[in-house]
């Protein structure tokens, strides 16, 4: 049993194929262990549009009630909607989703009260071990079950944090048949905008394209629709709608680093001198702009648990990741794709300029994007790269996360995947020619 569990209890969440790896019985036992480990008297549970989500979330609630906790079911929700519920109601929460994974998967993202993350170091290992050992907490009096609809309160909260005023916008939204099909009408329906919907039908079989906007192939429909409709902006959300990607008025993809810099500038205008978090493969433009605006940039490893922990330590106002996750102190340090989208809409509505022009000051360097290479011995390749690049003039080496090689005109980072035999390369240069040269040299060395 434990070996089976190690395959689905990941660094930050539970994720597996239904019902082979994750079924109602396992969900029930996980709900019981969640209450035992957190000591929660009341919890909140939400779920996405996958066919298996209602059954699995219901079983999790039964296990939690068996352990004595009262359960509030918020029903269909985005992951940031569940984080909102955890913060708003001040209780631990569980969200049933496998984010952008294919239809046969499902999973559980868990948090403590106020959306504080639960990962392997912060309770997930204990939950897994209790489930593996077959331990069950049986309370003298079982907990109760209630349902509550928090969608309007969620929309109120987000619109209060980033009100959109100014000119009327035309916005194309690709929900990818994921939860943004529910949250976008609730939030953007209250903004002065004409919304052109793509794939708003909730359908966990993803009939149109994968709900994973980090893959450019999944953004083609959005790009085309923005051009066809003459829209001001395009928004793409992943399956559980906690990530957001932008397309400008020309149908060009906007780097998440550029959106990070824009939101950082907006937050620093409200909170001068504040700290902003960026992970180490975000564009160099982010720390440059934060510093120029009088803020303090802090660099972290890749991964939401590191970002959230560092935000708590530094009281950072905002954090951004290259993967389209954006974290807000005013949102319990949790990530919200919809709140990031509202910041972009607000910045655009305040001006008469097109989005490409609004974002131009935040676009400074040429980036490779993330390139994966399958390698048998990750560490041997990293050691070889370090030896090769360590003697290059004006280079600094850094081991915060994998290997970073930093030069005044360029940088690259190579880090190992936690789950697959892959090395991930990100490179950036002062111009396109520099970036391509570095990217190609490092790729050749990795794949040699």
Foldseek 3Di string as FASTA:
>chain_A
DLVLQVQQQDFFWGKDFPPVNPDLVLLLLLLQLVCVQQVFQEEEEEEKLQPRTVSSRVSSCNSVQQLNHAYEYQYHAFVLRQLLCLAVVQAKYKYWAPWQDARRMIIIGIAGRLRHTDGCVRRSVSSSVCSVVVHGRGDPGGYHYHYDHCLLVVLVLLCVVFPADADEFEEEEEALLASCLPNVCSNVVPHRYHYHYHNSHNDSNSPPDGQQVLDVVVCPVQLVVLQVVLGLKYWGAIRSQLFIWIAGSNSHTDFQLLLLQLVLLVQCVVVPQFEEEEEPLRDPLNQVSCVVRNYHYDYAHDDLNGQLVVCVVRVGQKYTYRSRWIAGVSSSRHTGNVSSVSSLSRQPNVDPDGSCVSSVVSDFWDKDRKDKDADDDLVVLLVVVCVVQVPDPQWDWDVNARIWIDHPFKIKHWHADPNHRIIIIMIIGRYDVVRVVVVVVSVVSSVD
